[in-house]
Amino acid sequence: VRFEKQKKQDKMEYTEEILKIAKFMGLNPIKGFNEYTGNHYYYYNNAEMQDYEGLPFYDNWDEIMPVVIKIESFGGDENELDIFSNCVQLGDEEFVGKTKLEAVIKAVNWWVSQHCT
């Protein structure tokens, strides 16, 4: 699993949206530099495991659903994600993606951009 995560980090770029989601989830992103690949990457101190972990990209169900749960924990219609096929209703906003996951990621990115600085 760790090797697969490293391969993914070598190919993907961390965006401002990813960093904002990480901070919203209580992580403190630390920027690093891979001398082997020449790429920058982000990691965080996982106190529970007493180790450093690669920062998630929030691009799969295992990583994005805890964010959805945290958003919905604030209560109210404006914080409730109604997910239909490849469409998500979040308050008065609607997000459509090629897949259900893509629509959820769009909705989460929008919510975080509105509520987190």
Protein backbone atom coordinates (compact mmCIF):
# COMPACT_ATOMS: atom_id res chain seq x y z
CA VAL A 1 0.00 0.00 0.00
CA ARG A 2 2.77 2.43 0.91
CA PHE A 3 4.54 1.76 -2.44
CA GLU A 4 1.32 2.42 -4.38
CA LYS A 5 0.80 5.66 -2.45
CA GLN A 6 4.37 6.76 -3.28
CA LYS A 7 3.82 6.02 -7.00
CA LYS A 8 0.65 8.10 -6.88
CA GLN A 9 2.44 11.00 -5.14
CA ASP A 10 5.18 10.98 -7.77
CA LYS A 11 2.59 11.47 -10.56
CA MET A 12 0.03 13.83 -9.02
CA GLU A 13 0.24 17.44 -7.95
CA TYR A 14 -1.18 18.80 -4.74
CA THR A 15 -3.63 21.63 -5.46
CA GLU A 16 -4.79 24.41 -3.17
CA GLU A 17 -8.12 22.57 -2.88
CA ILE A 18 -6.38 19.45 -1.55
CA LEU A 19 -4.39 21.50 0.97
CA LYS A 20 -7.55 23.31 2.15
CA ILE A 21 -9.38 20.00 2.62
CA ALA A 22 -6.43 18.61 4.58
CA LYS A 23 -6.42 21.63 6.89
CA PHE A 24 -10.21 21.39 7.30
CA MET A 25 -9.70 17.77 8.35
CA GLY A 26 -7.22 18.87 11.02
CA LEU A 27 -4.02 17.90 9.22
CA ASN A 28 -1.00 20.19 9.08
CA PRO A 29 0.53 19.71 5.60
CA ILE A 30 4.32 19.80 5.51
CA LYS A 31 6.02 20.37 2.16
CA GLY A 32 8.86 18.03 1.22
CA PHE A 33 11.14 17.49 -1.75
CA ASN A 34 11.94 14.11 -3.30
CA GLU A 35 15.56 14.29 -4.45
CA TYR A 36 15.12 11.13 -6.52
CA THR A 37 12.21 12.40 -8.64
CA GLY A 38 12.74 16.13 -8.22
CA ASN A 39 9.08 16.54 -7.23
CA HIS A 40 7.59 18.32 -4.26
CA TYR A 41 5.16 16.40 -2.09
CA TYR A 42 3.21 16.92 1.12
CA TYR A 43 3.06 14.82 4.24
CA TYR A 44 1.75 15.21 7.79
CA ASN A 45 2.63 13.97 11.24
CA ASN A 46 0.27 11.12 12.07
CA ALA A 47 0.46 11.25 15.87
CA GLU A 48 -1.80 8.20 16.20
CA MET A 49 0.70 6.03 14.31
CA GLN A 50 3.71 8.04 15.56
CA ASP A 51 4.91 8.34 11.99
CA TYR A 52 4.75 10.63 8.99
CA GLU A 53 2.23 9.84 6.27
CA GLY A 54 1.77 11.09 2.72
CA LEU A 55 -1.00 13.67 2.55
CA PRO A 56 -4.17 12.23 0.97
CA PHE A 57 -5.28 13.47 -2.45
CA TYR A 58 -8.98 13.12 -1.51
CA ASP A 59 -9.67 11.50 -4.87
CA ASN A 60 -11.24 8.20 -3.80
CA TRP A 61 -14.16 7.16 -1.63
CA ASP A 62 -11.99 6.14 1.35
CA GLU A 63 -10.42 9.59 1.53
CA ILE A 64 -13.38 11.80 0.58
CA MET A 65 -16.14 10.23 2.72
CA PRO A 66 -14.68 11.35 6.08
CA VAL A 67 -14.75 14.90 4.65
CA VAL A 68 -18.40 14.49 3.63
CA ILE A 69 -19.25 13.18 7.11
CA LYS A 70 -17.51 16.14 8.76
CA ILE A 71 -19.33 18.66 6.53
CA GLU A 72 -22.69 17.03 7.28
CA SER A 73 -21.91 17.04 11.03
CA PHE A 74 -22.48 20.82 11.03
CA GLY A 75 -26.17 20.17 10.34
CA GLY A 76 -28.64 22.16 8.28
CA ASP A 77 -29.66 21.87 4.63
CA GLU A 78 -26.67 23.95 3.49
CA ASN A 79 -24.31 21.26 4.87
CA GLU A 80 -26.15 18.18 3.61
CA LEU A 81 -24.95 16.41 0.50
CA ASP A 82 -27.76 14.70 -1.41
CA ILE A 83 -26.07 12.33 -3.82
CA PHE A 84 -27.87 11.07 -6.93
CA SER A 85 -26.14 9.13 -9.70
CA ASN A 86 -23.51 11.62 -10.96
CA CYS A 87 -25.13 14.67 -9.36
CA VAL A 88 -24.82 16.19 -5.87
CA GLN A 89 -27.16 18.73 -4.33
CA LEU A 90 -25.52 20.77 -1.56
CA GLY A 91 -27.84 23.45 -0.22
CA ASP A 92 -28.90 25.51 -3.26
CA GLU A 93 -25.88 24.38 -5.31
CA GLU A 94 -25.79 21.49 -7.76
CA PHE A 95 -22.64 19.69 -8.92
CA VAL A 96 -22.44 17.28 -11.84
CA GLY A 97 -19.52 15.05 -12.73
CA LYS A 98 -18.73 12.24 -15.13
CA THR A 99 -19.02 9.93 -12.11
CA LYS A 100 -20.66 10.08 -8.71
CA LEU A 101 -17.22 10.42 -7.08
CA GLU A 102 -16.28 13.36 -9.33
CA ALA A 103 -19.52 15.16 -8.42
CA VAL A 104 -18.90 14.61 -4.70
CA ILE A 105 -15.33 15.93 -5.01
CA LYS A 106 -16.60 19.04 -6.82
CA ALA A 107 -19.17 19.65 -4.08
CA VAL A 108 -16.60 19.18 -1.31
CA ASN A 109 -14.12 21.50 -3.03
CA TRP A 110 -16.82 24.16 -3.40
CA TRP A 111 -17.93 23.82 0.26
CA VAL A 112 -14.37 24.05 1.57
CA SER A 113 -13.65 27.09 -0.63
CA GLN A 114 -16.73 28.83 0.82
CA HIS A 115 -16.09 27.99 4.48
CA CYS A 116 -12.33 27.66 4.93
CA THR A 117 -9.67 30.26 4.25
